[in-house]
Amino acid sequence: MAKSIYTNEYQKVLKKLKEARTESGFTQVEISQKLKKPQSYISKIERGERRIDVAELSILAKIYKKLLDYFVK
Protein backbone atom coordinates (compact mmCIF):
# COMPACT_ATOMS: atom_id res chain seq x y z
CA MET A 1 0.00 0.00 0.00
CA ALA A 2 1.28 3.45 -0.92
CA LYS A 3 2.10 5.91 1.81
CA SER A 4 -0.69 8.41 2.40
CA ILE A 5 -0.06 11.97 1.29
CA TYR A 6 -2.56 13.26 3.82
CA THR A 7 -1.86 14.64 7.27
CA ASN A 8 -3.22 13.18 10.48
CA GLU A 9 -5.59 16.15 10.66
CA TYR A 10 -6.99 15.34 7.24
CA GLN A 11 -7.44 11.71 8.26
CA LYS A 12 -9.54 12.95 11.19
CA VAL A 13 -11.73 14.95 8.79
CA LEU A 14 -12.29 11.81 6.72
CA LYS A 15 -13.21 9.83 9.82
CA LYS A 16 -15.71 12.53 10.83
CA LEU A 17 -17.20 12.49 7.32
CA LYS A 18 -17.89 8.79 7.52
CA GLU A 19 -19.24 9.10 11.07
CA ALA A 20 -21.54 11.95 10.04
CA ARG A 21 -22.89 9.91 7.14
CA THR A 22 -23.60 6.84 9.25
CA GLU A 23 -25.04 8.90 12.14
CA SER A 24 -27.36 10.56 9.64
CA GLY A 25 -28.51 7.14 8.47
CA PHE A 26 -27.35 7.54 4.87
CA THR A 27 -25.61 4.99 2.72
CA GLN A 28 -22.91 5.95 0.26
CA VAL A 29 -25.36 5.23 -2.55
CA GLU A 30 -27.95 7.64 -1.12
CA ILE A 31 -25.39 10.42 -0.74
CA SER A 32 -24.02 9.85 -4.21
CA GLN A 33 -27.55 10.13 -5.61
CA LYS A 34 -28.08 13.44 -3.80
CA LEU A 35 -24.83 14.75 -5.29
CA LYS A 36 -25.50 13.21 -8.71
CA LYS A 37 -22.15 11.43 -8.53
CA PRO A 38 -21.24 7.74 -8.69
CA GLN A 39 -21.11 5.81 -5.41
CA SER A 40 -17.36 5.41 -5.91
CA TYR A 41 -17.04 9.21 -5.49
CA ILE A 42 -18.13 8.97 -1.84
CA SER A 43 -16.20 5.76 -1.27
CA LYS A 44 -12.97 7.29 -2.54
CA ILE A 45 -13.41 10.37 -0.38
CA GLU A 46 -14.00 8.29 2.75
CA ARG A 47 -11.00 6.06 1.99
CA GLY A 48 -8.73 9.02 1.34
CA GLU A 49 -8.24 8.19 -2.33
CA ARG A 50 -9.90 11.40 -3.44
CA ARG A 51 -9.22 14.75 -1.86
CA ILE A 52 -12.25 16.80 -0.80
CA ASP A 53 -12.25 20.58 -1.02
CA VAL A 54 -14.01 23.07 1.24
CA ALA A 55 -16.92 23.57 -1.15
CA GLU A 56 -17.62 19.82 -1.26
CA LEU A 57 -17.23 19.56 2.51
CA SER A 58 -19.74 22.38 2.96
CA ILE A 59 -22.30 20.58 0.76
CA LEU A 60 -21.87 17.34 2.70
CA ALA A 61 -22.14 19.21 6.01
CA LYS A 62 -25.53 20.56 4.92
CA ILE A 63 -26.73 17.10 3.87
CA TYR A 64 -25.58 15.62 7.20
CA LYS A 65 -27.03 18.61 9.12
CA LYS A 66 -23.67 19.36 10.72
CA LEU A 67 -21.81 22.62 11.14
CA LEU A 68 -18.65 22.86 9.08
CA ASP A 69 -16.51 23.06 12.21
CA TYR A 70 -17.75 19.59 13.26
CA PHE A 71 -15.36 18.16 10.68
CA VAL A 72 -12.30 20.19 11.66
CA LYS A 73 -12.47 20.22 15.46
C-alpha atoms as a PDB file:
ATOM      1  CA  MET A   1       0.000   0.000   0.000  1.00  0.00           C
ATOM      2  CA  ALA A   2       1.279   3.446  -0.917  1.00  0.00           C
ATOM      3  CA  LYS A   3       2.101   5.913   1.807  1.00  0.00           C
ATOM      4  CA  SER A   4      -0.688   8.411   2.400  1.00  0.00           C
ATOM      5  CA  ILE A   5      -0.059  11.967   1.290  1.00  0.00           C
ATOM      6  CA  TYR A   6      -2.565  13.259   3.820  1.00  0.00           C
ATOM      7  CA  THR A   7      -1.858  14.642   7.275  1.00  0.00           C
ATOM      8  CA  ASN A   8      -3.220  13.181  10.478  1.00  0.00           C
ATOM      9  CA  GLU A   9      -5.588  16.150  10.660  1.00  0.00           C
ATOM     10  CA  TYR A  10      -6.995  15.343   7.237  1.00  0.00           C
ATOM     11  CA  GLN A  11      -7.444  11.707   8.255  1.00  0.00           C
ATOM     12  CA  LYS A  12      -9.542  12.952  11.185  1.00  0.00           C
ATOM     13  CA  VAL A  13     -11.733  14.946   8.785  1.00  0.00           C
ATOM     14  CA  LEU A  14     -12.290  11.805   6.719  1.00  0.00           C
ATOM     15  CA  LYS A  15     -13.209   9.829   9.819  1.00  0.00           C
ATOM     16  CA  LYS A  16     -15.706  12.530  10.834  1.00  0.00           C
ATOM     17  CA  LEU A  17     -17.195  12.493   7.321  1.00  0.00           C
ATOM     18  CA  LYS A  18     -17.893   8.787   7.519  1.00  0.00           C
ATOM     19  CA  GLU A  19     -19.235   9.100  11.072  1.00  0.00           C
ATOM     20  CA  ALA A  20     -21.544  11.953  10.039  1.00  0.00           C
ATOM     21  CA  ARG A  21     -22.891   9.911   7.137  1.00  0.00           C
ATOM     22  CA  THR A  22     -23.597   6.839   9.250  1.00  0.00           C
ATOM     23  CA  GLU A  23     -25.041   8.899  12.138  1.00  0.00           C
ATOM     24  CA  SER A  24     -27.363  10.561   9.642  1.00  0.00           C
ATOM     25  CA  GLY A  25     -28.515   7.140   8.466  1.00  0.00           C
ATOM     26  CA  PHE A  26     -27.354   7.543   4.873  1.00  0.00           C
ATOM     27  CA  THR A  27     -25.610   4.995   2.717  1.00  0.00           C
ATOM     28  CA  GLN A  28     -22.907   5.945   0.257  1.00  0.00           C
ATOM     29  CA  VAL A  29     -25.361   5.234  -2.547  1.00  0.00           C
ATOM     30  CA  GLU A  30     -27.949   7.644  -1.118  1.00  0.00           C
ATOM     31  CA  ILE A  31     -25.387  10.420  -0.739  1.00  0.00           C
ATOM     32  CA  SER A  32     -24.018   9.850  -4.214  1.00  0.00           C
ATOM     33  CA  GLN A  33     -27.548  10.130  -5.610  1.00  0.00           C
ATOM     34  CA  LYS A  34     -28.078  13.438  -3.798  1.00  0.00           C
ATOM     35  CA  LEU A  35     -24.831  14.748  -5.289  1.00  0.00           C
ATOM     36  CA  LYS A  36     -25.497  13.209  -8.714  1.00  0.00           C
ATOM     37  CA  LYS A  37     -22.150  11.430  -8.531  1.00  0.00           C
ATOM     38  CA  PRO A  38     -21.241   7.738  -8.686  1.00  0.00           C
ATOM     39  CA  GLN A  39     -21.112   5.812  -5.407  1.00  0.00           C
ATOM     40  CA  SER A  40     -17.364   5.414  -5.914  1.00  0.00           C
ATOM     41  CA  TYR A  41     -17.038   9.207  -5.494  1.00  0.00           C
ATOM     42  CA  ILE A  42     -18.132   8.972  -1.838  1.00  0.00           C
ATOM     43  CA  SER A  43     -16.204   5.765  -1.265  1.00  0.00           C
ATOM     44  CA  LYS A  44     -12.966   7.288  -2.544  1.00  0.00           C
ATOM     45  CA  ILE A  45     -13.408  10.373  -0.383  1.00  0.00           C
ATOM     46  CA  GLU A  46     -14.002   8.291   2.747  1.00  0.00           C
ATOM     47  CA  ARG A  47     -11.000   6.056   1.994  1.00  0.00           C
ATOM     48  CA  GLY A  48      -8.727   9.024   1.340  1.00  0.00           C
ATOM     49  CA  GLU A  49      -8.237   8.185  -2.327  1.00  0.00           C
ATOM     50  CA  ARG A  50      -9.896  11.402  -3.435  1.00  0.00           C
ATOM     51  CA  ARG A  51      -9.218  14.753  -1.857  1.00  0.00           C
ATOM     52  CA  ILE A  52     -12.246  16.804  -0.798  1.00  0.00           C
ATOM     53  CA  ASP A  53     -12.246  20.576  -1.018  1.00  0.00           C
ATOM     54  CA  VAL A  54     -14.005  23.067   1.241  1.00  0.00           C
ATOM     55  CA  ALA A  55     -16.924  23.571  -1.151  1.00  0.00           C
ATOM     56  CA  GLU A  56     -17.622  19.818  -1.257  1.00  0.00           C
ATOM     57  CA  LEU A  57     -17.229  19.563   2.510  1.00  0.00           C
ATOM     58  CA  SER A  58     -19.740  22.380   2.955  1.00  0.00           C
ATOM     59  CA  ILE A  59     -22.299  20.578   0.760  1.00  0.00           C
ATOM     60  CA  LEU A  60     -21.869  17.340   2.698  1.00  0.00           C
ATOM     61  CA  ALA A  61     -22.142  19.208   6.009  1.00  0.00           C
ATOM     62  CA  LYS A  62     -25.533  20.558   4.923  1.00  0.00           C
ATOM     63  CA  ILE A  63     -26.729  17.104   3.872  1.00  0.00           C
ATOM     64  CA  TYR A  64     -25.585  15.618   7.204  1.00  0.00           C
ATOM     65  CA  LYS A  65     -27.032  18.610   9.125  1.00  0.00           C
ATOM     66  CA  LYS A  66     -23.672  19.358  10.721  1.00  0.00           C
ATOM     67  CA  LEU A  67     -21.809  22.616  11.142  1.00  0.00           C
ATOM     68  CA  LEU A  68     -18.646  22.858   9.085  1.00  0.00           C
ATOM     69  CA  ASP A  69     -16.506  23.059  12.214  1.00  0.00           C
ATOM     70  CA  TYR A  70     -17.745  19.593  13.257  1.00  0.00           C
ATOM     71  CA  PHE A  71     -15.359  18.163  10.683  1.00  0.00           C
ATOM     72  CA  VAL A  72     -12.299  20.192  11.662  1.00  0.00           C
ATOM     73  CA  LYS A  73     -12.471  20.220  15.465  1.00  0.00           C
END
